[in-house]
N, C-alpha and C. Protein backbone atom coordinates (compact mmCIF):
# COMPACT_ATOMS: atom_id res chain seq x y z
N UNK A 1 71.48 64.77 15.22
CA UNK A 1 71.24 66.25 15.17
C UNK A 1 71.95 66.95 16.15
N UNK A 2 72.09 66.22 17.31
CA UNK A 2 73.06 66.90 18.60
C UNK A 2 74.41 67.12 18.05
N UNK A 3 74.96 66.21 17.34
CA UNK A 3 76.39 66.11 16.83
C UNK A 3 76.48 67.36 15.84
N UNK A 4 75.63 67.49 14.95
CA UNK A 4 75.48 68.67 14.01
C UNK A 4 75.48 70.08 14.67
N UNK A 5 74.58 70.30 15.69
CA UNK A 5 74.37 71.46 16.47
C UNK A 5 75.83 71.70 17.12
N UNK A 6 76.39 70.91 17.84
CA UNK A 6 77.76 71.06 18.34
C UNK A 6 78.83 71.46 17.43
N UNK A 7 79.00 70.77 16.35
CA UNK A 7 79.74 71.28 15.39
C UNK A 7 79.65 72.65 14.90
N UNK A 8 78.27 72.92 14.58
CA UNK A 8 78.10 74.41 14.17
C UNK A 8 78.48 75.38 15.44
N UNK A 9 78.08 74.96 16.56
CA UNK A 9 78.73 75.75 17.75
C UNK A 9 80.22 76.05 17.82
N UNK A 10 80.72 74.92 17.57
CA UNK A 10 82.18 74.95 17.43
C UNK A 10 82.92 75.80 16.44
N UNK A 11 82.25 75.94 15.23
CA UNK A 11 82.65 76.46 14.14
C UNK A 11 82.46 78.05 14.40
N UNK A 12 81.28 78.37 14.84
CA UNK A 12 81.10 79.93 15.05
C UNK A 12 82.01 80.44 16.08
N UNK A 13 82.24 79.77 17.21
CA UNK A 13 83.08 80.51 18.30
C UNK A 13 84.56 80.36 17.87
N UNK A 14 85.04 79.38 17.07
CA UNK A 14 86.31 79.30 16.41
C UNK A 14 86.68 80.40 15.61
N UNK A 15 85.67 81.05 14.88
CA UNK A 15 85.79 82.08 13.81
C UNK A 15 86.00 83.58 14.63
N UNK A 16 85.36 83.56 15.88
CA UNK A 16 85.32 84.90 16.53
C UNK A 16 86.21 85.01 17.77
N UNK A 17 87.00 83.84 18.20
CA UNK A 17 87.62 83.79 19.53
C UNK A 17 89.03 83.04 19.05
N UNK A 18 90.23 83.73 19.73
CA UNK A 18 91.31 82.94 19.76
C UNK A 18 91.22 81.91 20.68
N UNK A 19 92.02 80.70 20.29
CA UNK A 19 91.98 79.38 21.21
C UNK A 19 93.33 78.77 21.43
N UNK A 20 93.42 78.11 22.38
CA UNK A 20 94.45 77.30 22.98
C UNK A 20 94.23 75.92 23.71
N UNK A 21 94.29 75.00 23.11
CA UNK A 21 93.82 73.62 23.62
C UNK A 21 94.85 72.99 24.62
N UNK A 22 94.45 71.96 25.48
CA UNK A 22 95.11 71.23 26.24
C UNK A 22 94.85 69.92 26.34
N UNK A 23 95.48 68.98 27.19
CA UNK A 23 94.83 67.60 27.40
C UNK A 23 93.75 67.97 28.57
N UNK A 24 93.00 66.84 28.73
CA UNK A 24 91.92 66.91 29.74
C UNK A 24 92.25 67.64 30.85
N UNK A 25 91.55 68.87 31.37
CA UNK A 25 92.33 69.72 32.17
C UNK A 25 91.27 70.23 33.29
N UNK A 26 91.43 70.89 34.34
CA UNK A 26 90.58 71.44 35.29
C UNK A 26 90.32 72.86 34.69
N UNK A 27 91.13 73.82 34.95
CA UNK A 27 91.01 75.27 34.29
C UNK A 27 92.27 75.40 33.42
N UNK A 28 93.48 75.28 33.97
CA UNK A 28 94.72 75.62 33.42
C UNK A 28 95.69 74.32 33.40
N UNK A 29 95.56 73.50 34.65
CA UNK A 29 96.38 72.33 34.80
C UNK A 29 95.47 71.11 34.21
N UNK A 30 96.50 70.23 34.03
CA UNK A 30 95.87 68.85 33.53
C UNK A 30 94.99 68.32 34.68
N UNK A 31 94.08 67.47 34.44
CA UNK A 31 93.17 66.59 35.42
C UNK A 31 93.53 65.21 35.47
N UNK A 32 92.99 64.53 36.58
CA UNK A 32 93.06 62.92 36.49
C UNK A 32 92.07 62.40 35.51
N UNK A 33 91.15 63.21 34.76
CA UNK A 33 90.24 62.56 33.91
C UNK A 33 90.97 62.04 32.51
N UNK A 34 90.41 60.97 32.11
CA UNK A 34 90.83 60.37 30.73
C UNK A 34 89.57 60.49 29.81
N UNK A 35 89.71 60.75 28.66
CA UNK A 35 88.68 60.79 27.65
C UNK A 35 88.26 59.31 27.50
N UNK A 36 86.97 59.34 27.23
CA UNK A 36 86.43 57.75 26.95
C UNK A 36 86.78 57.32 25.67
N UNK A 37 86.78 55.98 25.41
CA UNK A 37 87.31 55.44 24.08
C UNK A 37 86.22 55.72 22.98
N UNK A 38 84.96 56.04 23.20
CA UNK A 38 84.04 56.26 22.20
C UNK A 38 83.71 57.73 21.83
N UNK A 39 84.55 58.55 22.38
CA UNK A 39 84.29 60.11 21.98
C UNK A 39 85.68 60.72 21.58
N UNK A 40 85.37 61.64 20.66
CA UNK A 40 86.51 62.72 20.19
C UNK A 40 86.29 63.84 20.86
N UNK A 41 87.12 64.58 21.45
CA UNK A 41 87.02 65.74 22.35
C UNK A 41 87.92 66.99 21.55
N UNK A 42 87.05 68.00 21.43
CA UNK A 42 87.47 69.31 20.96
C UNK A 42 87.58 70.09 22.29
N UNK A 43 88.77 70.80 22.55
CA UNK A 43 88.93 71.62 23.56
C UNK A 43 89.39 73.01 23.14
N UNK A 44 88.69 73.96 23.33
CA UNK A 44 88.92 75.42 22.69
C UNK A 44 88.93 76.24 23.88
N UNK A 45 90.15 76.63 24.26
CA UNK A 45 90.51 77.51 25.25
C UNK A 45 90.88 78.92 24.85
N UNK A 46 90.09 80.06 25.21
CA UNK A 46 90.47 81.34 24.79
C UNK A 46 91.11 82.14 25.92
N UNK A 47 92.33 82.74 25.80
CA UNK A 47 92.93 83.75 27.00
C UNK A 47 93.03 84.94 26.33
N UNK A 48 92.28 86.06 26.88
CA UNK A 48 92.24 87.43 26.36
C UNK A 48 93.36 88.10 27.07
N UNK A 49 94.58 88.52 26.43
CA UNK A 49 95.56 89.01 27.00
C UNK A 49 96.47 90.04 26.14
N UNK A 50 97.25 90.77 26.61
CA UNK A 50 98.25 91.48 25.62
C UNK A 50 99.71 91.01 25.78
N UNK A 51 99.80 90.03 26.47
CA UNK A 51 101.14 89.50 26.73
C UNK A 51 101.39 87.90 26.19
N UNK A 52 102.60 87.41 25.82
CA UNK A 52 102.70 86.33 25.39
C UNK A 52 102.41 85.31 26.39
N UNK A 53 101.93 83.99 25.88
CA UNK A 53 101.57 83.22 27.05
C UNK A 53 101.85 81.59 26.69
N UNK A 54 101.32 80.70 26.90
CA UNK A 54 101.83 79.30 27.18
C UNK A 54 102.84 78.62 26.30
N UNK A 55 102.61 78.67 25.03
CA UNK A 55 103.40 77.92 24.19
C UNK A 55 104.17 78.88 23.06
N UNK A 56 104.91 79.86 23.47
CA UNK A 56 105.86 80.66 22.71
C UNK A 56 105.06 81.54 21.73
N UNK A 57 103.96 82.07 22.12
CA UNK A 57 103.19 82.98 21.43
C UNK A 57 103.98 84.46 21.17
N UNK A 58 103.81 85.08 20.11
CA UNK A 58 104.23 86.62 20.12
C UNK A 58 103.24 87.42 20.76
N UNK A 59 103.82 88.62 21.36
CA UNK A 59 102.97 89.49 21.88
C UNK A 59 101.72 90.11 20.90
N UNK A 60 100.60 90.31 21.27
CA UNK A 60 99.50 90.60 20.52
C UNK A 60 98.22 90.98 21.59
N UNK A 61 97.31 91.22 20.89
CA UNK A 61 95.96 91.56 21.50
C UNK A 61 95.45 90.28 22.26
N UNK A 62 95.73 89.09 21.48
CA UNK A 62 95.02 87.89 22.09
C UNK A 62 96.10 86.81 21.82
N UNK A 63 95.90 85.67 22.27
CA UNK A 63 96.66 84.49 22.13
C UNK A 63 96.57 83.97 20.62
N UNK A 64 97.63 83.32 20.31
CA UNK A 64 97.51 82.64 18.89
C UNK A 64 96.51 81.62 18.91
N UNK A 65 95.55 81.67 17.95
CA UNK A 65 94.42 80.69 17.78
C UNK A 65 94.96 79.37 17.57
N UNK A 66 94.37 78.26 18.22
CA UNK A 66 94.64 76.90 18.19
C UNK A 66 93.47 76.05 18.13
N UNK A 67 93.61 74.70 17.68
CA UNK A 67 92.42 73.81 17.67
C UNK A 67 93.07 72.57 18.25
N UNK A 68 92.39 71.87 19.08
CA UNK A 68 92.86 70.80 19.93
C UNK A 68 91.87 69.45 19.83
N UNK A 69 92.43 68.47 19.50
CA UNK A 69 91.73 67.11 19.52
C UNK A 69 92.46 66.13 20.56
N UNK A 70 91.40 65.53 21.20
CA UNK A 70 91.88 64.45 22.32
C UNK A 70 91.13 63.26 21.96
N UNK A 71 91.77 61.97 22.09
CA UNK A 71 91.11 60.67 22.06
C UNK A 71 91.42 59.96 23.26
N UNK A 72 90.44 58.98 23.67
CA UNK A 72 90.76 58.22 24.59
C UNK A 72 91.01 56.62 24.25
N UNK A 73 91.58 55.94 25.04
CA UNK A 73 91.56 54.54 24.75
C UNK A 73 91.81 53.59 26.15
N UNK A 74 90.84 53.28 26.77
CA UNK A 74 90.80 52.72 28.14
C UNK A 74 91.54 53.54 29.02
N UNK A 75 92.54 53.18 29.60
CA UNK A 75 93.25 54.03 30.57
C UNK A 75 94.40 54.94 30.08
N UNK A 76 94.19 55.39 28.79
CA UNK A 76 95.26 56.27 28.25
C UNK A 76 94.44 57.25 27.19
N UNK A 77 94.95 58.45 27.28
CA UNK A 77 94.50 59.57 26.36
C UNK A 77 95.54 60.15 25.53
N UNK A 78 95.53 60.45 24.27
CA UNK A 78 96.38 61.33 23.54
C UNK A 78 95.80 62.46 22.81
N UNK A 79 96.51 63.34 22.18
CA UNK A 79 95.90 64.34 21.43
C UNK A 79 96.92 65.43 20.79
N UNK A 80 96.63 66.42 20.19
CA UNK A 80 97.31 67.35 19.55
C UNK A 80 96.87 68.65 19.62
N UNK A 81 97.46 69.84 19.51
CA UNK A 81 97.00 71.03 19.34
C UNK A 81 97.67 71.68 18.07
N UNK A 82 96.78 72.33 17.31
CA UNK A 82 97.30 73.15 16.00
C UNK A 82 97.37 74.52 16.32
N UNK A 83 98.54 75.16 16.45
CA UNK A 83 98.42 76.61 16.80
C UNK A 83 98.59 77.27 15.33
N UNK A 84 97.65 78.13 15.02
CA UNK A 84 97.84 78.92 13.66
C UNK A 84 98.84 80.04 13.93
N UNK A 85 99.20 80.54 12.72
CA UNK A 85 100.05 81.60 12.65
C UNK A 85 101.45 81.31 13.33
N UNK A 86 101.79 80.11 13.25
CA UNK A 86 103.11 79.75 13.83
C UNK A 86 103.85 79.02 12.66
N UNK A 87 105.19 79.08 12.73
CA UNK A 87 106.04 78.29 11.58
C UNK A 87 105.92 76.89 12.24
N UNK A 88 105.86 76.58 13.39
CA UNK A 88 105.96 75.16 13.92
C UNK A 88 104.61 74.97 14.92
N UNK A 89 103.45 74.81 14.32
CA UNK A 89 102.14 74.99 14.95
C UNK A 89 101.79 73.62 15.76
N UNK A 90 102.47 72.62 15.57
CA UNK A 90 101.98 71.32 16.14
C UNK A 90 102.45 71.18 17.65
N UNK A 91 101.51 70.86 18.64
CA UNK A 91 101.93 70.31 19.88
C UNK A 91 101.14 69.23 20.32
N UNK A 92 101.82 68.26 20.85
CA UNK A 92 101.23 66.99 21.35
C UNK A 92 101.13 66.88 22.79
N UNK A 93 100.26 65.80 23.36
CA UNK A 93 100.10 65.43 24.63
C UNK A 93 99.49 64.11 24.81
N UNK A 94 99.87 63.49 25.98
CA UNK A 94 99.43 62.18 26.46
C UNK A 94 99.32 62.00 27.92
N UNK A 95 98.38 61.18 28.13
CA UNK A 95 98.21 60.91 29.60
C UNK A 95 97.76 59.52 29.78
N UNK A 96 98.39 58.81 30.94
CA UNK A 96 97.90 57.53 31.31
C UNK A 96 97.47 57.32 32.77
N UNK A 97 96.47 56.59 32.90
CA UNK A 97 95.79 56.38 34.34
C UNK A 97 96.69 55.17 34.99
N UNK A 98 97.28 55.56 36.04
CA UNK A 98 98.15 54.63 36.86
C UNK A 98 97.31 53.94 37.96
N UNK A 99 96.37 54.68 38.56
CA UNK A 99 95.32 54.23 39.71
C UNK A 99 94.16 54.66 39.67
N UNK A 100 93.13 53.99 40.12
CA UNK A 100 91.98 54.54 40.38
C UNK A 100 90.64 53.96 39.49
N UNK A 101 89.60 53.62 39.93
CA UNK A 101 88.46 53.42 39.00
C UNK A 101 87.23 54.20 39.33
N UNK A 102 87.11 54.61 40.74
CA UNK A 102 85.93 55.45 41.13
C UNK A 102 86.61 56.83 41.53
N UNK A 103 85.72 57.84 41.57
CA UNK A 103 86.10 59.22 42.04
C UNK A 103 86.73 59.08 43.54
N UNK A 104 85.92 58.25 44.38
CA UNK A 104 86.46 58.25 45.82
C UNK A 104 87.68 57.52 46.00
N UNK A 105 88.28 56.74 44.93
CA UNK A 105 89.58 56.06 45.04
C UNK A 105 90.61 57.15 44.87
N UNK A 106 91.75 56.82 45.15
CA UNK A 106 92.97 57.78 44.79
C UNK A 106 93.05 57.48 43.23
N UNK A 107 93.08 58.58 42.58
CA UNK A 107 93.27 58.38 41.14
C UNK A 107 94.63 59.12 40.79
N UNK A 108 95.35 58.25 40.07
CA UNK A 108 96.82 58.72 39.79
C UNK A 108 96.88 58.78 38.19
N UNK A 109 97.52 59.78 37.63
CA UNK A 109 97.77 59.83 36.39
C UNK A 109 99.23 60.36 35.93
N UNK A 110 99.88 59.91 35.01
CA UNK A 110 101.17 60.48 34.56
C UNK A 110 101.04 60.89 33.04
N UNK A 111 101.71 62.03 32.70
CA UNK A 111 101.54 62.58 31.37
C UNK A 111 102.58 63.50 30.92
N UNK A 112 102.29 64.01 29.65
CA UNK A 112 103.17 65.00 29.26
C UNK A 112 102.26 65.79 28.22
N UNK A 113 102.67 67.25 28.34
CA UNK A 113 101.85 67.94 27.38
C UNK A 113 102.78 69.08 26.85
N UNK A 114 102.36 70.03 25.85
CA UNK A 114 103.24 70.92 25.11
C UNK A 114 104.43 70.44 24.64
N UNK A 115 104.28 69.30 23.94
CA UNK A 115 105.61 68.79 23.12
C UNK A 115 105.58 69.24 21.91
N UNK A 116 106.20 70.19 21.76
CA UNK A 116 106.62 70.90 20.37
C UNK A 116 107.29 70.15 19.45
N UNK A 117 107.60 70.79 18.23
CA UNK A 117 108.47 70.07 17.11
C UNK A 117 109.78 70.83 17.12
N UNK A 118 110.02 71.81 17.88
CA UNK A 118 111.36 72.43 17.69
C UNK A 118 111.82 72.72 19.22
N UNK A 119 113.13 72.89 19.39
CA UNK A 119 113.79 73.15 20.65
C UNK A 119 113.08 74.46 21.31
N UNK A 120 112.73 75.35 20.53
CA UNK A 120 112.17 76.51 21.04
C UNK A 120 110.77 76.43 21.61
N UNK A 121 109.86 75.55 20.88
CA UNK A 121 108.72 75.46 21.06
C UNK A 121 108.21 74.26 22.03
N UNK A 122 109.23 73.41 22.24
CA UNK A 122 109.03 72.13 22.84
C UNK A 122 109.36 72.28 24.37
N UNK A 123 108.12 72.52 25.22
CA UNK A 123 108.20 72.78 26.62
C UNK A 123 108.31 71.30 27.32
N UNK A 124 107.77 70.36 26.68
CA UNK A 124 107.89 68.91 27.22
C UNK A 124 107.44 68.85 28.73
N UNK A 125 106.41 69.34 29.13
CA UNK A 125 106.09 69.33 30.60
C UNK A 125 105.50 67.79 30.97
N UNK A 126 106.45 67.24 31.72
CA UNK A 126 106.11 65.88 32.26
C UNK A 126 105.39 66.14 33.63
N UNK A 127 104.53 65.21 33.99
CA UNK A 127 103.75 65.58 35.37
C UNK A 127 103.26 64.10 35.84
N UNK A 128 103.02 64.23 37.31
CA UNK A 128 102.56 63.31 37.88
C UNK A 128 101.38 63.81 38.88
N UNK A 129 100.14 63.45 38.54
CA UNK A 129 99.05 64.10 39.25
C UNK A 129 98.16 63.02 40.00
N UNK A 130 97.84 63.26 41.35
CA UNK A 130 96.85 62.36 41.86
C UNK A 130 95.67 63.29 42.39
N UNK A 131 94.50 62.65 42.51
CA UNK A 131 93.33 63.19 42.99
C UNK A 131 92.37 62.17 43.84
N UNK A 132 91.52 62.85 44.86
CA UNK A 132 90.59 61.99 45.35
C UNK A 132 89.43 62.81 45.64
N UNK A 133 88.28 62.24 45.53
CA UNK A 133 86.99 63.02 45.83
C UNK A 133 86.15 62.61 46.93
N UNK A 134 85.54 63.50 47.69
CA UNK A 134 84.82 63.29 48.74
C UNK A 134 83.49 62.88 48.43
N UNK A 135 82.70 62.31 49.41
CA UNK A 135 81.20 61.83 48.77
C UNK A 135 80.47 62.76 48.31
N UNK A 136 80.56 64.10 48.71
CA UNK A 136 79.64 65.24 48.11
C UNK A 136 80.14 65.74 46.84
N UNK A 137 81.22 65.08 46.15
CA UNK A 137 81.73 65.45 44.90
C UNK A 137 82.82 66.32 44.75
N UNK A 138 83.43 66.84 45.99
CA UNK A 138 84.55 67.82 45.94
C UNK A 138 85.86 67.01 45.51
N UNK A 139 86.39 67.39 44.78
CA UNK A 139 87.80 66.67 44.29
C UNK A 139 89.00 67.46 44.48
N UNK A 140 89.98 66.94 45.15
CA UNK A 140 91.18 67.53 45.49
C UNK A 140 92.22 66.96 44.64
N UNK A 141 93.19 67.76 44.12
CA UNK A 141 94.21 67.29 43.17
C UNK A 141 95.44 67.72 43.55
N UNK A 142 96.41 66.96 43.55
CA UNK A 142 98.02 67.53 43.84
C UNK A 142 98.99 66.81 42.89
N UNK A 143 99.78 67.41 42.44
CA UNK A 143 100.90 66.90 41.60
C UNK A 143 102.22 67.65 41.50
N UNK A 144 102.90 67.23 40.59
CA UNK A 144 104.26 67.77 40.43
C UNK A 144 104.56 67.96 38.88
N UNK A 145 105.24 68.72 38.35
CA UNK A 145 105.53 68.73 36.90
C UNK A 145 106.91 69.38 36.58
N UNK A 146 107.71 68.95 35.45
CA UNK A 146 108.82 69.63 35.30
C UNK A 146 108.94 69.63 33.68
N UNK A 147 109.46 70.80 33.11
CA UNK A 147 109.48 70.98 31.74
C UNK A 147 110.94 71.13 31.36
N UNK A 148 111.01 71.60 29.95
CA UNK A 148 112.66 71.75 29.48
C UNK A 148 112.97 73.19 29.68
N UNK A 149 114.17 73.24 30.27
CA UNK A 149 114.88 74.61 30.56
C UNK A 149 115.08 75.39 29.32
N UNK A 150 115.30 74.80 28.31
CA UNK A 150 115.57 75.63 27.10
C UNK A 150 114.20 76.40 26.50
N UNK A 151 113.33 75.97 27.04
CA UNK A 151 111.77 76.49 26.47
C UNK A 151 111.29 77.30 27.64
N UNK A 152 111.32 76.85 28.97
CA UNK A 152 110.75 77.44 30.20
C UNK A 152 111.59 78.36 30.94
N UNK A 153 112.96 78.10 30.85
CA UNK A 153 113.97 78.93 31.62
C UNK A 153 114.43 78.08 32.76
N UNK A 154 115.08 78.62 33.73
CA UNK A 154 115.49 77.75 35.05
C UNK A 154 114.39 77.43 35.98
N UNK A 155 113.26 78.16 35.85
CA UNK A 155 112.12 77.93 36.85
C UNK A 155 111.20 76.94 36.20
N UNK A 156 111.63 75.75 35.81
CA UNK A 156 110.92 74.93 35.01
C UNK A 156 110.31 73.63 35.90
N UNK A 157 110.34 73.69 37.13
CA UNK A 157 109.81 72.78 38.00
C UNK A 157 108.50 73.38 38.71
N UNK A 158 107.42 72.66 38.95
CA UNK A 158 106.31 73.20 39.13
C UNK A 158 105.31 72.36 40.12
N UNK A 159 104.72 72.83 41.06
CA UNK A 159 103.56 72.23 42.04
C UNK A 159 102.33 72.23 41.07
N UNK A 160 101.43 71.40 41.11
CA UNK A 160 100.21 71.46 40.62
C UNK A 160 99.24 71.13 41.63
N UNK A 161 98.10 71.91 41.80
CA UNK A 161 97.11 71.64 42.69
C UNK A 161 95.81 72.24 42.22
N UNK A 162 94.80 71.67 42.74
CA UNK A 162 93.33 72.08 42.41
C UNK A 162 92.42 71.57 43.40
N UNK A 163 91.21 72.33 43.39
CA UNK A 163 90.16 71.78 43.99
C UNK A 163 88.87 72.11 43.15
N UNK A 164 87.98 71.00 42.81
CA UNK A 164 86.84 71.44 41.82
C UNK A 164 85.67 70.60 42.45
N UNK A 165 84.45 71.03 41.89
CA UNK A 165 83.25 70.29 42.57
C UNK A 165 82.20 70.49 41.15
N UNK A 166 81.47 69.48 40.91
CA UNK A 166 80.19 69.43 40.12
C UNK A 166 79.21 69.72 41.20
N UNK A 167 78.58 70.85 40.99
CA UNK A 167 77.46 71.26 41.85
C UNK A 167 76.17 70.44 41.56
N UNK A 168 76.00 70.34 40.29
CA UNK A 168 74.65 69.62 39.71
C UNK A 168 75.09 69.09 38.30
N UNK A 169 73.91 68.86 37.70
CA UNK A 169 74.17 68.20 36.30
C UNK A 169 74.67 69.39 35.33
N UNK A 170 74.43 70.67 35.65
CA UNK A 170 74.75 71.76 34.79
C UNK A 170 76.02 72.55 35.24
N UNK A 171 76.10 72.77 36.66
CA UNK A 171 76.88 73.71 36.95
C UNK A 171 78.31 73.19 37.50
N UNK A 172 79.72 73.61 37.23
CA UNK A 172 80.75 73.21 38.01
C UNK A 172 81.58 74.34 38.50
N UNK A 173 82.37 74.33 39.52
CA UNK A 173 83.17 75.42 39.72
C UNK A 173 84.62 74.68 40.26
N UNK A 174 85.70 75.73 40.00
CA UNK A 174 86.98 75.05 40.43
C UNK A 174 88.04 75.99 40.46
N UNK A 175 89.10 75.65 41.02
CA UNK A 175 90.26 76.60 41.17
C UNK A 175 91.55 75.60 41.01
N UNK A 176 92.58 76.07 40.33
CA UNK A 176 93.75 75.27 40.18
C UNK A 176 95.05 76.32 40.17
N UNK A 177 96.29 75.67 40.34
CA UNK A 177 97.23 76.51 40.64
C UNK A 177 98.46 75.68 39.94
N UNK A 178 99.21 76.33 39.38
CA UNK A 178 100.48 75.78 38.69
C UNK A 178 101.68 76.78 39.03
N UNK A 179 102.66 76.07 39.94
CA UNK A 179 103.77 76.88 40.63
C UNK A 179 104.83 77.37 39.47
N UNK A 180 105.86 78.11 40.02
CA UNK A 180 106.72 78.73 39.35
C UNK A 180 106.50 79.94 38.52
N UNK A 181 107.49 80.60 37.98
CA UNK A 181 107.38 81.94 37.45
C UNK A 181 107.59 82.03 35.74
N UNK A 182 107.57 80.72 35.36
CA UNK A 182 107.49 80.47 33.94
C UNK A 182 106.30 81.03 33.16
N UNK A 183 106.01 81.05 31.97
CA UNK A 183 105.02 81.35 31.50
C UNK A 183 103.57 80.52 31.87
N UNK A 184 103.96 79.34 32.38
CA UNK A 184 102.75 78.42 32.97
C UNK A 184 102.59 78.66 34.37
N UNK A 185 103.25 79.45 35.27
CA UNK A 185 102.76 79.59 36.54
C UNK A 185 101.68 80.33 36.79
N UNK A 186 100.60 80.05 37.34
CA UNK A 186 99.46 80.83 37.50
C UNK A 186 98.26 80.09 38.58
N UNK A 187 97.56 81.08 38.97
CA UNK A 187 96.46 80.74 39.79
C UNK A 187 95.17 81.13 39.02
N UNK A 188 94.18 80.05 39.03
CA UNK A 188 93.24 80.18 38.00
C UNK A 188 91.76 79.88 38.73
N UNK A 189 90.80 80.70 38.49
CA UNK A 189 89.35 80.33 39.09
C UNK A 189 88.41 80.21 37.99
N UNK A 190 87.51 79.24 38.06
CA UNK A 190 86.48 79.10 36.87
C UNK A 190 85.20 78.54 37.35
N UNK A 191 84.16 79.00 36.49
CA UNK A 191 82.94 78.27 36.76
C UNK A 191 82.40 77.78 35.23
N UNK A 192 81.71 76.65 35.06
CA UNK A 192 81.26 75.89 33.96
C UNK A 192 79.99 75.68 33.83
N UNK A 193 79.29 75.72 32.86
CA UNK A 193 77.95 75.48 32.61
C UNK A 193 77.74 74.34 31.34
N UNK A 194 77.03 73.33 31.49
CA UNK A 194 77.03 72.24 30.68
C UNK A 194 75.50 72.53 30.03
N UNK A 195 75.60 72.96 28.71
CA UNK A 195 74.42 72.90 27.81
C UNK A 195 73.63 71.45 27.57
N UNK A 196 74.66 70.52 27.15
CA UNK A 196 74.28 69.18 27.16
C UNK A 196 75.14 68.26 27.74
N UNK A 197 75.06 66.92 28.03
CA UNK A 197 76.20 66.22 28.38
C UNK A 197 77.51 66.23 27.67
N UNK A 198 77.42 66.73 26.49
CA UNK A 198 78.52 66.68 25.49
C UNK A 198 78.92 68.27 25.03
N UNK A 199 78.38 69.17 25.88
CA UNK A 199 78.94 70.64 25.25
C UNK A 199 78.73 71.44 26.65
N UNK A 200 79.87 72.06 26.82
CA UNK A 200 79.96 72.98 27.96
C UNK A 200 80.77 74.12 27.77
N UNK A 201 80.78 75.27 28.48
CA UNK A 201 81.50 76.44 28.43
C UNK A 201 82.07 76.69 30.01
N UNK A 202 83.18 77.21 30.08
CA UNK A 202 83.93 77.49 31.23
C UNK A 202 84.30 79.02 30.98
N UNK A 203 84.03 79.76 31.94
CA UNK A 203 84.49 81.25 32.23
C UNK A 203 85.48 81.30 33.24
N UNK A 204 86.61 81.91 32.93
CA UNK A 204 87.42 81.90 34.27
C UNK A 204 88.34 83.29 34.25
N UNK A 205 89.14 83.43 35.33
CA UNK A 205 90.17 84.32 35.41
C UNK A 205 91.44 83.70 35.95
N UNK A 206 92.63 84.25 35.31
CA UNK A 206 93.97 83.74 35.48
C UNK A 206 94.84 84.75 36.09
N UNK A 207 95.46 84.61 37.12
CA UNK A 207 96.49 85.39 37.78
C UNK A 207 97.91 84.73 37.64
N UNK A 208 98.58 85.40 37.08
CA UNK A 208 100.06 84.85 36.79
C UNK A 208 101.08 85.07 37.99
N UNK A 209 101.69 84.08 38.11
CA UNK A 209 102.74 84.32 39.14
C UNK A 209 104.07 85.30 38.70
N UNK A 210 104.28 85.41 37.58
CA UNK A 210 105.23 86.35 37.04
C UNK A 210 104.55 87.58 36.76
N UNK A 211 104.91 88.57 37.45
CA UNK A 211 104.21 89.89 37.36
C UNK A 211 104.30 90.68 35.93
N UNK A 212 105.41 89.98 35.15
CA UNK A 212 105.50 90.68 33.79
C UNK A 212 104.21 90.29 32.78
N UNK A 213 103.40 89.15 33.28
CA UNK A 213 102.33 88.77 32.50
C UNK A 213 101.04 89.54 33.17
N UNK A 214 100.35 90.06 32.32
CA UNK A 214 98.99 90.51 32.72
C UNK A 214 98.06 89.43 33.09
N UNK A 215 97.08 89.69 34.15
CA UNK A 215 95.96 88.69 34.20
C UNK A 215 95.08 88.70 33.07
N UNK A 216 94.62 87.52 32.87
CA UNK A 216 93.72 87.33 31.73
C UNK A 216 92.25 86.70 31.90
N UNK A 217 91.38 86.89 31.22
CA UNK A 217 89.88 86.31 31.21
C UNK A 217 90.16 84.98 30.35
N UNK A 218 89.44 83.95 30.73
CA UNK A 218 89.48 82.76 29.85
C UNK A 218 88.10 82.37 29.61
N UNK A 219 87.81 81.88 28.26
CA UNK A 219 86.56 81.32 27.84
C UNK A 219 86.83 80.03 27.17
N UNK A 220 86.44 78.93 27.66
CA UNK A 220 86.78 77.54 27.31
C UNK A 220 85.53 76.78 26.75
N UNK A 221 85.55 76.16 25.48
CA UNK A 221 84.42 75.46 25.10
C UNK A 221 84.95 73.96 25.11
N UNK A 222 84.18 73.05 25.56
CA UNK A 222 84.33 71.64 25.41
C UNK A 222 83.21 70.97 24.67
N UNK A 223 83.64 70.27 23.72
CA UNK A 223 82.55 69.45 22.90
C UNK A 223 83.09 68.02 22.63
N UNK A 224 82.30 67.03 22.98
CA UNK A 224 82.57 65.63 22.86
C UNK A 224 81.70 65.24 21.61
N UNK A 225 82.19 64.27 20.75
CA UNK A 225 81.34 63.64 19.47
C UNK A 225 81.23 62.10 19.76
């Protein structure tokens, strides 16, 4: 019954909101989390804006709708995003854990995301990201990424940084940052609420490093099956 209710919630939201999915993330940047092997993850990220954003969208009232799926396999996860209303709608991502077993360990991952199928859409952002958590559950993340110049322009190298904390079983807060003035560079703040262990929603605000992009509100739904 829980899985049926989660699927219904996903379908209702996907009908009324534009979406853009990513690998396991904090708000905007990837995280050091890896999806478990027995779960299928639906990540639905909505960015309300009037300017083009992350993966080659055209100007409009909202970002281009997308649906993303992610699967885990021990220390590895992989997934894809299907961006509707595009001639080349597929984008792929993958991530591997290099170090870490507990949150208080140094956790280190390497990955790639926004792997498009054409020279124009293939941002191919490769990154290395580490994190460590304090005993009270505050997590600090720091990393570095680099994407393709043909898709992102000359400012294709970026610092990745974040602080996030699970306040209790229901509430989470976080802030993350991606450097550079490409379409990916932004400071992002968010708060999330878990309806169940497998269904949560995040509300956030995005401030872009490039002033030609207007700030956005984000609504992100995460569902595990």
